[in-house]
Amino acid sequence: MIDAPTATTSTRPPIDKVARDLREVVNGVVGSVFLEPMMRTQRSSVLQGEVGHGGRGEQVFQAQLDNALIERSSASPQFPVSEALYDRLIEAARRRQSV
């Protein structure tokens, strides 16, 4: 028999799990909404010369390189967009958890 939630049992996940999941989602959103279009624009610029260009290898693996750079940048604690969004959402989650 399944017990109905009471004051002593809760169906909400612990706040540390919520924080980890939220961090992962925020990093993904910031990467896809902010950093990916910025990388695409940068790659399509006319500032590619022979000296700074990685040749055919860069062209072949460009999407993988961009994805790796986006993941690292959005997960960095020094990236202000990710941090601001995470701080705002985790505070709302903590308020909701305490209700």
C-alpha atoms as a PDB file:
ATOM      1  CA  MET A   1       0.000   0.000   0.000  1.00  0.00           C
ATOM      2  CA  ILE A   2       1.296   3.484  -0.893  1.00  0.00           C
ATOM      3  CA  ASP A   3       1.077   6.125   1.786  1.00  0.00           C
ATOM      4  CA  ALA A   4      -0.287   9.521   0.903  1.00  0.00           C
ATOM      5  CA  PRO A   5       2.175  12.384   1.433  1.00  0.00           C
ATOM      6  CA  THR A   6       1.972  13.787   4.926  1.00  0.00           C
ATOM      7  CA  ALA A   7       3.807  16.451   6.863  1.00  0.00           C
ATOM      8  CA  THR A   8       6.613  13.973   7.596  1.00  0.00           C
ATOM      9  CA  THR A   9       6.969  12.529   4.079  1.00  0.00           C
ATOM     10  CA  SER A  10       7.618  14.628   1.019  1.00  0.00           C
ATOM     11  CA  THR A  11       7.566  13.812  -2.668  1.00  0.00           C
ATOM     12  CA  ARG A  12       9.902  16.681  -3.512  1.00  0.00           C
ATOM     13  CA  PRO A  13      13.520  15.859  -4.338  1.00  0.00           C
ATOM     14  CA  PRO A  14      16.228  17.206  -2.011  1.00  0.00           C
ATOM     15  CA  ILE A  15      17.415  20.718  -2.831  1.00  0.00           C
ATOM     16  CA  ASP A  16      20.983  19.542  -3.628  1.00  0.00           C
ATOM     17  CA  LYS A  17      19.652  17.269  -6.396  1.00  0.00           C
ATOM     18  CA  VAL A  18      17.484  20.113  -7.664  1.00  0.00           C
ATOM     19  CA  ALA A  19      20.550  22.384  -7.663  1.00  0.00           C
ATOM     20  CA  ARG A  20      22.636  19.889  -9.664  1.00  0.00           C
ATOM     21  CA  ASP A  21      19.862  19.323 -12.185  1.00  0.00           C
ATOM     22  CA  LEU A  22      19.192  23.036 -12.459  1.00  0.00           C
ATOM     23  CA  ARG A  23      22.870  23.794 -13.062  1.00  0.00           C
ATOM     24  CA  GLU A  24      22.945  21.269 -15.903  1.00  0.00           C
ATOM     25  CA  VAL A  25      19.786  22.668 -17.503  1.00  0.00           C
ATOM     26  CA  VAL A  26      20.934  26.282 -17.171  1.00  0.00           C
ATOM     27  CA  ASN A  27      24.284  25.469 -18.789  1.00  0.00           C
ATOM     28  CA  GLY A  28      22.499  23.769 -21.683  1.00  0.00           C
ATOM     29  CA  VAL A  29      20.063  26.622 -22.194  1.00  0.00           C
ATOM     30  CA  VAL A  30      22.735  29.313 -22.071  1.00  0.00           C
ATOM     31  CA  GLY A  31      24.890  27.308 -24.462  1.00  0.00           C
ATOM     32  CA  SER A  32      22.149  26.772 -27.025  1.00  0.00           C
ATOM     33  CA  VAL A  33      20.467  30.173 -26.769  1.00  0.00           C
ATOM     34  CA  PHE A  34      23.437  32.490 -26.290  1.00  0.00           C
ATOM     35  CA  LEU A  35      26.765  30.868 -27.109  1.00  0.00           C
ATOM     36  CA  GLU A  36      25.859  28.689 -30.100  1.00  0.00           C
ATOM     37  CA  PRO A  37      24.505  31.564 -32.232  1.00  0.00           C
ATOM     38  CA  MET A  38      27.516  33.661 -31.225  1.00  0.00           C
ATOM     39  CA  MET A  39      29.889  30.888 -32.358  1.00  0.00           C
ATOM     40  CA  ARG A  40      27.995  30.473 -35.642  1.00  0.00           C
ATOM     41  CA  THR A  41      28.254  34.202 -36.318  1.00  0.00           C
ATOM     42  CA  GLN A  42      31.934  34.221 -35.460  1.00  0.00           C
ATOM     43  CA  ARG A  43      32.606  31.247 -37.758  1.00  0.00           C
ATOM     44  CA  SER A  44      30.837  32.913 -40.674  1.00  0.00           C
ATOM     45  CA  SER A  45      32.832  36.139 -40.350  1.00  0.00           C
ATOM     46  CA  VAL A  46      35.261  37.209 -43.038  1.00  0.00           C
ATOM     47  CA  LEU A  47      38.156  37.334 -40.578  1.00  0.00           C
ATOM     48  CA  GLN A  48      39.503  33.902 -41.558  1.00  0.00           C
ATOM     49  CA  GLY A  49      42.943  34.257 -43.007  1.00  0.00           C
ATOM     50  CA  GLU A  50      45.488  31.616 -43.962  1.00  0.00           C
ATOM     51  CA  VAL A  51      47.539  32.209 -40.824  1.00  0.00           C
ATOM     52  CA  GLY A  52      44.777  31.832 -38.237  1.00  0.00           C
ATOM     53  CA  HIS A  53      42.861  29.124 -40.014  1.00  0.00           C
ATOM     54  CA  GLY A  54      43.216  25.457 -39.031  1.00  0.00           C
ATOM     55  CA  GLY A  55      42.753  24.160 -42.557  1.00  0.00           C
ATOM     56  CA  ARG A  56      40.674  21.168 -43.579  1.00  0.00           C
ATOM     57  CA  GLY A  57      40.911  19.580 -40.113  1.00  0.00           C
ATOM     58  CA  GLU A  58      39.261  22.598 -38.538  1.00  0.00           C
ATOM     59  CA  GLN A  59      36.506  22.550 -41.144  1.00  0.00           C
ATOM     60  CA  VAL A  60      35.811  18.848 -40.586  1.00  0.00           C
ATOM     61  CA  PHE A  61      35.738  19.010 -36.795  1.00  0.00           C
ATOM     62  CA  GLN A  62      34.404  22.551 -36.419  1.00  0.00           C
ATOM     63  CA  ALA A  63      31.019  21.521 -34.966  1.00  0.00           C
ATOM     64  CA  GLN A  64      32.678  19.254 -32.393  1.00  0.00           C
ATOM     65  CA  LEU A  65      35.117  21.997 -31.435  1.00  0.00           C
ATOM     66  CA  ASP A  66      32.292  24.512 -31.117  1.00  0.00           C
ATOM     67  CA  ASN A  67      30.277  22.124 -28.922  1.00  0.00           C
ATOM     68  CA  ALA A  68      33.264  21.520 -26.631  1.00  0.00           C
ATOM     69  CA  LEU A  69      33.914  25.261 -26.328  1.00  0.00           C
ATOM     70  CA  ILE A  70      30.231  25.969 -25.667  1.00  0.00           C
ATOM     71  CA  GLU A  71      30.050  23.305 -22.942  1.00  0.00           C
ATOM     72  CA  ARG A  72      33.158  24.590 -21.201  1.00  0.00           C
ATOM     73  CA  SER A  73      32.154  28.236 -21.450  1.00  0.00           C
ATOM     74  CA  SER A  74      28.586  27.791 -20.218  1.00  0.00           C
ATOM     75  CA  ALA A  75      29.723  25.545 -17.335  1.00  0.00           C
ATOM     76  CA  SER A  76      32.356  28.006 -16.180  1.00  0.00           C
ATOM     77  CA  PRO A  77      31.505  29.621 -12.844  1.00  0.00           C
ATOM     78  CA  GLN A  78      32.944  32.867 -14.198  1.00  0.00           C
ATOM     79  CA  PHE A  79      30.391  33.077 -17.024  1.00  0.00           C
ATOM     80  CA  PRO A  80      28.010  35.790 -15.777  1.00  0.00           C
ATOM     81  CA  VAL A  81      24.970  34.852 -17.882  1.00  0.00           C
ATOM     82  CA  SER A  82      24.869  31.285 -16.553  1.00  0.00           C
ATOM     83  CA  GLU A  83      25.504  32.405 -13.004  1.00  0.00           C
ATOM     84  CA  ALA A  84      22.798  35.084 -13.040  1.00  0.00           C
ATOM     85  CA  LEU A  85      20.191  32.706 -14.430  1.00  0.00           C
ATOM     86  CA  TYR A  86      21.193  29.915 -12.037  1.00  0.00           C
ATOM     87  CA  ASP A  87      21.140  32.222  -8.987  1.00  0.00           C
ATOM     88  CA  ARG A  88      17.672  33.502  -9.873  1.00  0.00           C
ATOM     89  CA  LEU A  89      16.227  30.024 -10.443  1.00  0.00           C
ATOM     90  CA  ILE A  90      17.853  28.314  -7.450  1.00  0.00           C
ATOM     91  CA  GLU A  91      16.511  31.016  -5.145  1.00  0.00           C
ATOM     92  CA  ALA A  92      13.008  30.407  -6.501  1.00  0.00           C
ATOM     93  CA  ALA A  93      13.488  26.646  -6.021  1.00  0.00           C
ATOM     94  CA  ARG A  94      14.598  27.159  -2.409  1.00  0.00           C
ATOM     95  CA  ARG A  95      11.581  29.356  -1.674  1.00  0.00           C
ATOM     96  CA  ARG A  96       9.307  26.756  -3.209  1.00  0.00           C
ATOM     97  CA  GLN A  97      11.006  23.962  -1.280  1.00  0.00           C
ATOM     98  CA  SER A  98      10.425  25.739   2.026  1.00  0.00           C
ATOM     99  CA  VAL A  99       6.693  26.140   1.432  1.00  0.00           C
END
